[in-house]
C-alpha atoms as a PDB file:
ATOM      1  CA  MET A   1       0.053   0.060  -0.047  1.00  0.00           C
ATOM      2  CA  GLU A   2       1.327   3.482  -0.874  1.00  0.00           C
ATOM      3  CA  ALA A   3      -0.213   6.621   0.187  1.00  0.00           C
ATOM      4  CA  ARG A   4       0.342  10.463  -0.233  1.00  0.00           C
ATOM      5  CA  ILE A   5      -1.592  13.709   1.187  1.00  0.00           C
ATOM      6  CA  LYS A   6      -1.650  17.087  -0.207  1.00  0.00           C
ATOM      7  CA  ILE A   7      -2.661  19.748   2.376  1.00  0.00           C
ATOM      8  CA  THR A   8      -2.864  23.329   3.179  1.00  0.00           C
ATOM      9  CA  ALA A   9      -4.881  25.431   5.937  1.00  0.00           C
ATOM     10  CA  ASP A  10      -5.631  28.917   6.953  1.00  0.00           C
ATOM     11  CA  ASN A  11      -3.390  29.833   8.654  1.00  0.00           C
ATOM     12  CA  GLY A  12      -1.054  26.847   9.717  1.00  0.00           C
ATOM     13  CA  TYR A  13      -1.347  23.246  10.315  1.00  0.00           C
ATOM     14  CA  ASP A  14       0.668  20.301  11.810  1.00  0.00           C
ATOM     15  CA  LEU A  15       0.171  16.786  10.420  1.00  0.00           C
ATOM     16  CA  PHE A  16       0.297  13.475  12.316  1.00  0.00           C
ATOM     17  CA  VAL A  17      -0.386   9.797  10.999  1.00  0.00           C
ATOM     18  CA  ASN A  18      -0.540   7.089  13.638  1.00  0.00           C
ATOM     19  CA  GLY A  19       1.053   9.519  16.223  1.00  0.00           C
ATOM     20  CA  THR A  20       4.130  10.300  13.869  1.00  0.00           C
ATOM     21  CA  PRO A  21       4.698  13.777  12.762  1.00  0.00           C
ATOM     22  CA  VAL A  22       4.597  14.016   9.076  1.00  0.00           C
ATOM     23  CA  GLY A  23       4.880  17.709   8.324  1.00  0.00           C
ATOM     24  CA  SER A  24       3.476  21.307   8.862  1.00  0.00           C
ATOM     25  CA  GLY A  25       2.760  24.501   6.949  1.00  0.00           C
ATOM     26  CA  ALA A  26       2.182  28.088   7.652  1.00  0.00           C
ATOM     27  CA  ASP A  27       1.190  29.427   4.287  1.00  0.00           C
ATOM     28  CA  TRP A  28      -2.386  28.563   3.200  1.00  0.00           C
ATOM     29  CA  HIS A  29      -1.453  29.849  -0.527  1.00  0.00           C
ATOM     30  CA  VAL A  30       0.921  26.740  -0.746  1.00  0.00           C
ATOM     31  CA  ILE A  31      -0.400  22.936  -0.935  1.00  0.00           C
ATOM     32  CA  THR A  32       2.132  20.762   0.133  1.00  0.00           C
ATOM     33  CA  PRO A  33       2.263  17.071  -0.685  1.00  0.00           C
ATOM     34  CA  PHE A  34       3.627  14.506   1.628  1.00  0.00           C
ATOM     35  CA  PRO A  35       4.403  10.886   1.176  1.00  0.00           C
ATOM     36  CA  LEU A  36       3.083   8.627   3.796  1.00  0.00           C
ATOM     37  CA  THR A  37       5.843   6.397   4.286  1.00  0.00           C
ATOM     38  CA  GLY A  38       8.056   4.649   7.235  1.00  0.00           C
ATOM     39  CA  MET A  39       6.601   5.416  10.665  1.00  0.00           C
ATOM     40  CA  ALA A  40       3.937   7.657   9.098  1.00  0.00           C
ATOM     41  CA  ALA A  41       2.705   4.893   6.650  1.00  0.00           C
ATOM     42  CA  PHE A  42      -0.964   3.631   6.573  1.00  0.00           C
ATOM     43  CA  HIS A  43      -1.150   0.103   7.461  1.00  0.00           C
ATOM     44  CA  PRO A  44      -3.982  -2.424   7.068  1.00  0.00           C
ATOM     45  CA  GLY A  45      -6.849  -1.835   9.693  1.00  0.00           C
ATOM     46  CA  ALA A  46      -7.606   1.476  11.612  1.00  0.00           C
ATOM     47  CA  ASN A  47      -5.349   4.477  11.064  1.00  0.00           C
ATOM     48  CA  TRP A  48      -5.143   7.928  12.714  1.00  0.00           C
ATOM     49  CA  LEU A  49      -5.071  11.059  10.587  1.00  0.00           C
ATOM     50  CA  VAL A  50      -4.764  14.027  12.978  1.00  0.00           C
ATOM     51  CA  ILE A  51      -4.374  17.721  11.712  1.00  0.00           C
ATOM     52  CA  LYS A  52      -3.943  20.400  14.082  1.00  0.00           C
ATOM     53  CA  VAL A  53      -5.004  23.665  12.537  1.00  0.00           C
ATOM     54  CA  THR A  54      -4.143  27.203  13.981  1.00  0.00           C
ATOM     55  CA  ASN A  55      -6.168  30.203  12.726  1.00  0.00           C
ATOM     56  CA  PHE A  56      -3.850  33.340  13.605  1.00  0.00           C
ATOM     57  CA  ALA A  57      -5.623  36.397  15.325  1.00  0.00           C
ATOM     58  CA  GLY A  58      -7.560  38.622  13.114  1.00  0.00           C
ATOM     59  CA  PRO A  59     -10.576  41.095  13.617  1.00  0.00           C
ATOM     60  CA  ALA A  60     -12.086  41.178  16.877  1.00  0.00           C
ATOM     61  CA  LEU A  61     -15.529  39.677  15.483  1.00  0.00           C
ATOM     62  CA  PRO A  62     -15.524  35.858  15.306  1.00  0.00           C
ATOM     63  CA  PHE A  63     -17.095  35.857  11.767  1.00  0.00           C
ATOM     64  CA  GLU A  64     -14.672  38.215  10.225  1.00  0.00           C
ATOM     65  CA  ASN A  65     -11.592  35.815  10.602  1.00  0.00           C
ATOM     66  CA  PRO A  66     -12.729  32.583   8.622  1.00  0.00           C
ATOM     67  CA  ALA A  67     -10.282  29.425   8.905  1.00  0.00           C
ATOM     68  CA  ALA A  68     -10.242  26.697   6.602  1.00  0.00           C
ATOM     69  CA  LEU A  69      -8.442  23.204   6.036  1.00  0.00           C
ATOM     70  CA  ILE A  70      -8.716  21.381   2.738  1.00  0.00           C
ATOM     71  CA  TYR A  71      -6.632  17.899   2.054  1.00  0.00           C
ATOM     72  CA  LYS A  72      -6.499  15.140  -0.288  1.00  0.00           C
ATOM     73  CA  VAL A  73      -5.264  11.658   0.586  1.00  0.00           C
ATOM     74  CA  ARG A  74      -4.703   9.000  -2.158  1.00  0.00           C
ATOM     75  CA  VAL A  75      -4.049   5.548  -1.179  1.00  0.00           C
ATOM     76  CA  HIS A  76      -2.730   3.045  -3.859  1.00  0.00           C
ATOM     77  CA  TYR A  77      -3.316  -0.593  -3.110  1.00  0.00           C
ATOM     78  CA  THR A  78      -0.942  -3.395  -4.523  1.00  0.00           C
ATOM     79  CA  THR A  79      -1.862  -7.002  -4.482  1.00  0.00           C
END
């Protein structure tokens, strides 16, 4: 099995797979690809994908500083 993720968030993120840090980003204009290999590889059965997203301070009113997370995971199974 091979897996990759492409991710970005407003404003920043930390990405973990099965408890292993995979990568981070702090520019929502940049979509970053990460291979999910080694300790961060998916394995048969349940897997944990954890993304800690931080929205930096903005205007005082809560709806004037929206946040976003977008990612795509592609898994290729081999037999």
